Amino acid sequence: MHFTKKLGVASIAAALVLAPTVASATSQDEQVRRLDIMLMVTSLRCRMGADDFQPHYRKFSATHITALNSAARRLEGGLVAAHGTKGAKRALDRISVGMANEYGQGHPWLGCAELKEITEDLSKNSDPAVLAQAADELLCPAPRSGGLWARR
């Protein structure tokens, strides 16, 4: 499969200016959490090949630690308000386990090489808006027409 060359983090930021925000803060926080889990799981899956991107994932995590932790806290706070403390923990576990299971066999339309390049790009930009945009696009079950990572 061939994929278009992604336009880079700067292009993602530019797309943010043009794209309307439709996600609520809670769903955006969940998307950011899901992006982190997807990258973690796929980096583990790809670790034995030429496209091992675990070092890039670690750099991504370090670069975005504030945004990742803030999103996790807001997500948990919203779940506690909706489900209570025990229910929130179960909901967070379901999200994490569901994502790990979903991406355990790989990303549906990106291979290790593309994920490595994307993770490296994301590790170079600490803008939380770029992180949210990446989550919005990369977690789709198929590339969006005209998206930054659309199939050719």
C-alpha atoms as a PDB file:
ATOM      1  CA  MET A   1       0.000   0.000   0.000  1.00  0.00           C
ATOM      2  CA  HIS A   2       1.207   3.472  -0.765  1.00  0.00           C
ATOM      3  CA  PHE A   3       0.359   6.473   1.290  1.00  0.00           C
ATOM      4  CA  THR A   4       0.786  10.090   0.421  1.00  0.00           C
ATOM      5  CA  LYS A   5       3.692  11.767   2.088  1.00  0.00           C
ATOM      6  CA  LYS A   6       2.266  13.571   5.050  1.00  0.00           C
ATOM      7  CA  LEU A   7       2.604  17.287   5.011  1.00  0.00           C
ATOM      8  CA  GLY A   8       4.246  17.574   8.416  1.00  0.00           C
ATOM      9  CA  VAL A   9       3.390  19.088  11.747  1.00  0.00           C
ATOM     10  CA  ALA A  10       3.307  22.654  10.407  1.00  0.00           C
ATOM     11  CA  SER A  11       0.629  21.634   7.926  1.00  0.00           C
ATOM     12  CA  ILE A  12      -1.401  20.037  10.691  1.00  0.00           C
ATOM     13  CA  ALA A  13      -1.273  23.309  12.603  1.00  0.00           C
ATOM     14  CA  ALA A  14      -2.345  25.213   9.500  1.00  0.00           C
ATOM     15  CA  ALA A  15      -5.230  22.800   8.984  1.00  0.00           C
ATOM     16  CA  LEU A  16      -6.406  23.535  12.505  1.00  0.00           C
ATOM     17  CA  VAL A  17      -7.047  27.132  11.578  1.00  0.00           C
ATOM     18  CA  LEU A  18      -9.289  26.015   8.724  1.00  0.00           C
ATOM     19  CA  ALA A  19     -11.066  23.083  10.389  1.00  0.00           C
ATOM     20  CA  PRO A  20     -13.981  23.767  12.741  1.00  0.00           C
ATOM     21  CA  THR A  21     -13.738  22.231  16.179  1.00  0.00           C
ATOM     22  CA  VAL A  22     -16.624  19.812  16.682  1.00  0.00           C
ATOM     23  CA  ALA A  23     -15.383  17.715  19.582  1.00  0.00           C
ATOM     24  CA  SER A  24     -16.222  18.590  23.150  1.00  0.00           C
ATOM     25  CA  ALA A  25     -13.368  18.945  25.621  1.00  0.00           C
ATOM     26  CA  THR A  26     -14.108  15.528  27.109  1.00  0.00           C
ATOM     27  CA  SER A  27     -14.158  13.716  23.781  1.00  0.00           C
ATOM     28  CA  GLN A  28     -11.012  15.591  22.723  1.00  0.00           C
ATOM     29  CA  ASP A  29      -9.357  14.484  25.968  1.00  0.00           C
ATOM     30  CA  GLU A  30     -10.403  10.915  25.254  1.00  0.00           C
ATOM     31  CA  GLN A  31      -9.039  11.168  21.711  1.00  0.00           C
ATOM     32  CA  VAL A  32      -5.683  12.410  23.010  1.00  0.00           C
ATOM     33  CA  ARG A  33      -5.588   9.516  25.497  1.00  0.00           C
ATOM     34  CA  ARG A  34      -6.473   7.092  22.709  1.00  0.00           C
ATOM     35  CA  LEU A  35      -3.734   8.520  20.478  1.00  0.00           C
ATOM     36  CA  ASP A  36      -1.181   7.967  23.228  1.00  0.00           C
ATOM     37  CA  ILE A  37      -2.312   4.369  23.739  1.00  0.00           C
ATOM     38  CA  MET A  38      -2.363   3.680  19.989  1.00  0.00           C
ATOM     39  CA  LEU A  39       1.185   4.975  19.559  1.00  0.00           C
ATOM     40  CA  MET A  40       2.408   3.050  22.604  1.00  0.00           C
ATOM     41  CA  VAL A  41       0.840  -0.242  21.468  1.00  0.00           C
ATOM     42  CA  THR A  42       1.930   0.077  17.839  1.00  0.00           C
ATOM     43  CA  SER A  43       5.457   1.067  18.903  1.00  0.00           C
ATOM     44  CA  LEU A  44       5.633  -2.187  20.872  1.00  0.00           C
ATOM     45  CA  ARG A  45       4.300  -4.111  17.893  1.00  0.00           C
ATOM     46  CA  CYS A  46       6.874  -2.539  15.551  1.00  0.00           C
ATOM     47  CA  ARG A  47       9.860  -2.801  17.896  1.00  0.00           C
ATOM     48  CA  MET A  48      11.484  -5.827  16.238  1.00  0.00           C
ATOM     49  CA  GLY A  49      11.674  -4.500  12.698  1.00  0.00           C
ATOM     50  CA  ALA A  50      13.584  -1.872  10.801  1.00  0.00           C
ATOM     51  CA  ASP A  51      10.885   0.643  11.686  1.00  0.00           C
ATOM     52  CA  ASP A  52      11.207   0.394  15.466  1.00  0.00           C
ATOM     53  CA  PHE A  53       9.886   3.702  16.745  1.00  0.00           C
ATOM     54  CA  GLN A  54       9.969   3.167  20.496  1.00  0.00           C
ATOM     55  CA  PRO A  55      12.649   5.876  20.920  1.00  0.00           C
ATOM     56  CA  HIS A  56      10.393   8.243  18.949  1.00  0.00           C
ATOM     57  CA  TYR A  57       7.410   7.275  21.120  1.00  0.00           C
ATOM     58  CA  ARG A  58       9.414   7.984  24.289  1.00  0.00           C
ATOM     59  CA  LYS A  59      10.367  11.403  22.897  1.00  0.00           C
ATOM     60  CA  PHE A  60       6.727  12.017  21.897  1.00  0.00           C
ATOM     61  CA  SER A  61       5.631  11.156  25.455  1.00  0.00           C
ATOM     62  CA  ALA A  62       8.247  13.449  26.973  1.00  0.00           C
ATOM     63  CA  THR A  63       7.381  16.309  24.614  1.00  0.00           C
ATOM     64  CA  HIS A  64       3.647  16.029  25.266  1.00  0.00           C
ATOM     65  CA  ILE A  65       3.694  14.931  28.917  1.00  0.00           C
ATOM     66  CA  THR A  66       1.863  18.039  30.124  1.00  0.00           C
ATOM     67  CA  ALA A  67      -0.884  17.767  27.495  1.00  0.00           C
ATOM     68  CA  LEU A  68      -1.182  13.991  27.930  1.00  0.00           C
ATOM     69  CA  ASN A  69      -1.434  14.255  31.714  1.00  0.00           C
ATOM     70  CA  SER A  70      -3.887  17.165  31.545  1.00  0.00           C
ATOM     71  CA  ALA A  71      -6.116  15.306  29.103  1.00  0.00           C
ATOM     72  CA  ALA A  72      -6.024  12.195  31.317  1.00  0.00           C
ATOM     73  CA  ARG A  73      -6.957  14.218  34.419  1.00  0.00           C
ATOM     74  CA  ARG A  74      -9.838  16.001  32.642  1.00  0.00           C
ATOM     75  CA  LEU A  75     -11.054  12.718  31.159  1.00  0.00           C
ATOM     76  CA  GLU A  76     -10.972  11.032  34.547  1.00  0.00           C
ATOM     77  CA  GLY A  77     -12.695  14.024  36.180  1.00  0.00           C
ATOM     78  CA  GLY A  78     -15.520  13.881  33.649  1.00  0.00           C
ATOM     79  CA  LEU A  79     -15.892  10.149  34.143  1.00  0.00           C
ATOM     80  CA  VAL A  80     -15.935  10.525  37.941  1.00  0.00           C
ATOM     81  CA  ALA A  81     -18.693  13.130  37.635  1.00  0.00           C
ATOM     82  CA  ALA A  82     -20.703  10.820  35.379  1.00  0.00           C
ATOM     83  CA  HIS A  83     -20.003   7.425  36.947  1.00  0.00           C
ATOM     84  CA  GLY A  84     -18.498   7.947  40.402  1.00  0.00           C
ATOM     85  CA  THR A  85     -14.961   7.010  41.381  1.00  0.00           C
ATOM     86  CA  LYS A  86     -15.269   3.235  40.884  1.00  0.00           C
ATOM     87  CA  GLY A  87     -17.240   3.599  37.673  1.00  0.00           C
ATOM     88  CA  ALA A  88     -14.675   6.064  36.321  1.00  0.00           C
ATOM     89  CA  LYS A  89     -11.814   3.630  36.958  1.00  0.00           C
ATOM     90  CA  ARG A  90     -13.722   0.885  35.132  1.00  0.00           C
ATOM     91  CA  ALA A  91     -14.461   3.235  32.225  1.00  0.00           C
ATOM     92  CA  LEU A  92     -10.802   4.259  31.968  1.00  0.00           C
ATOM     93  CA  ASP A  93      -9.762   0.606  32.053  1.00  0.00           C
ATOM     94  CA  ARG A  94     -12.250  -0.181  29.267  1.00  0.00           C
ATOM     95  CA  ILE A  95     -10.842   2.648  27.144  1.00  0.00           C
ATOM     96  CA  SER A  96      -7.239   1.536  27.691  1.00  0.00           C
ATOM     97  CA  VAL A  97      -7.840  -2.181  27.195  1.00  0.00           C
ATOM     98  CA  GLY A  98     -10.092  -1.562  24.200  1.00  0.00           C
ATOM     99  CA  MET A  99      -7.443   0.559  22.503  1.00  0.00           C
ATOM    100  CA  ALA A 100      -4.678  -1.914  23.293  1.00  0.00           C
ATOM    101  CA  ASN A 101      -6.762  -4.717  21.807  1.00  0.00           C
ATOM    102  CA  GLU A 102      -7.770  -2.650  18.786  1.00  0.00           C
ATOM    103  CA  TYR A 103      -4.195  -1.759  17.850  1.00  0.00           C
ATOM    104  CA  GLY A 104      -2.496  -4.954  19.018  1.00  0.00           C
ATOM    105  CA  GLN A 105      -2.619  -6.243  15.449  1.00  0.00           C
ATOM    106  CA  GLY A 106      -1.473  -2.922  14.028  1.00  0.00           C
ATOM    107  CA  HIS A 107      -2.996   0.291  12.787  1.00  0.00           C
ATOM    108  CA  PRO A 108      -5.795  -0.262  10.230  1.00  0.00           C
ATOM    109  CA  TRP A 109      -4.207   1.824   7.483  1.00  0.00           C
ATOM    110  CA  LEU A 110      -0.716   2.876   8.577  1.00  0.00           C
ATOM    111  CA  GLY A 111       2.333   0.665   8.702  1.00  0.00           C
ATOM    112  CA  CYS A 112       5.286   0.834  11.051  1.00  0.00           C
ATOM    113  CA  ALA A 113       7.292   3.124   8.739  1.00  0.00           C
ATOM    114  CA  GLU A 114       4.472   5.685   8.525  1.00  0.00           C
ATOM    115  CA  LEU A 115       3.792   5.511  12.267  1.00  0.00           C
ATOM    116  CA  LYS A 116       7.488   6.005  12.970  1.00  0.00           C
ATOM    117  CA  GLU A 117       7.606   9.119  10.793  1.00  0.00           C
ATOM    118  CA  ILE A 118       4.396  10.522  12.260  1.00  0.00           C
ATOM    119  CA  THR A 119       5.558   9.880  15.833  1.00  0.00           C
ATOM    120  CA  GLU A 120       8.886  11.546  15.096  1.00  0.00           C
ATOM    121  CA  ASP A 121       7.095  14.600  13.656  1.00  0.00           C
ATOM    122  CA  LEU A 122       4.736  14.787  16.641  1.00  0.00           C
ATOM    123  CA  SER A 123       7.678  14.576  19.045  1.00  0.00           C
ATOM    124  CA  LYS A 124       9.099  17.775  17.550  1.00  0.00           C
ATOM    125  CA  ASN A 125       6.059  19.977  18.223  1.00  0.00           C
ATOM    126  CA  SER A 126       4.593  20.496  21.687  1.00  0.00           C
ATOM    127  CA  ASP A 127       1.465  22.340  20.511  1.00  0.00           C
ATOM    128  CA  PRO A 128      -1.563  20.603  22.111  1.00  0.00           C
ATOM    129  CA  ALA A 129      -3.712  21.658  19.153  1.00  0.00           C
ATOM    130  CA  VAL A 130      -1.461  19.671  16.808  1.00  0.00           C
ATOM    131  CA  LEU A 131      -1.800  16.690  19.142  1.00  0.00           C
ATOM    132  CA  ALA A 132      -5.603  16.961  19.060  1.00  0.00           C
ATOM    133  CA  GLN A 133      -5.658  17.234  15.252  1.00  0.00           C
ATOM    134  CA  ALA A 134      -3.375  14.213  14.907  1.00  0.00           C
ATOM    135  CA  ALA A 135      -5.644  12.228  17.229  1.00  0.00           C
ATOM    136  CA  ASP A 136      -8.681  13.222  15.213  1.00  0.00           C
ATOM    137  CA  GLU A 137      -7.173  11.982  11.949  1.00  0.00           C
ATOM    138  CA  LEU A 138      -5.069   9.007  13.014  1.00  0.00           C
ATOM    139  CA  LEU A 139      -7.770   7.285  15.054  1.00  0.00           C
ATOM    140  CA  CYS A 140     -10.201   7.045  12.144  1.00  0.00           C
ATOM    141  CA  PRO A 141     -10.807   3.490  10.885  1.00  0.00           C
ATOM    142  CA  ALA A 142      -9.769   4.624   7.393  1.00  0.00           C
ATOM    143  CA  PRO A 143      -7.913   7.642   6.050  1.00  0.00           C
ATOM    144  CA  ARG A 144     -10.091  10.640   5.410  1.00  0.00           C
ATOM    145  CA  SER A 145     -10.396  11.901   1.904  1.00  0.00           C
ATOM    146  CA  GLY A 146      -8.069  14.868   1.769  1.00  0.00           C
ATOM    147  CA  GLY A 147      -6.618  14.058   5.182  1.00  0.00           C
ATOM    148  CA  LEU A 148      -2.930  14.488   5.831  1.00  0.00           C
ATOM    149  CA  TRP A 149      -2.365  10.729   5.791  1.00  0.00           C
ATOM    150  CA  ALA A 150      -4.838   9.697   3.074  1.00  0.00           C
ATOM    151  CA  ARG A 151      -4.152   6.737   0.794  1.00  0.00           C
ATOM    152  CA  ARG A 152      -3.202   7.341  -2.786  1.00  0.00           C
END
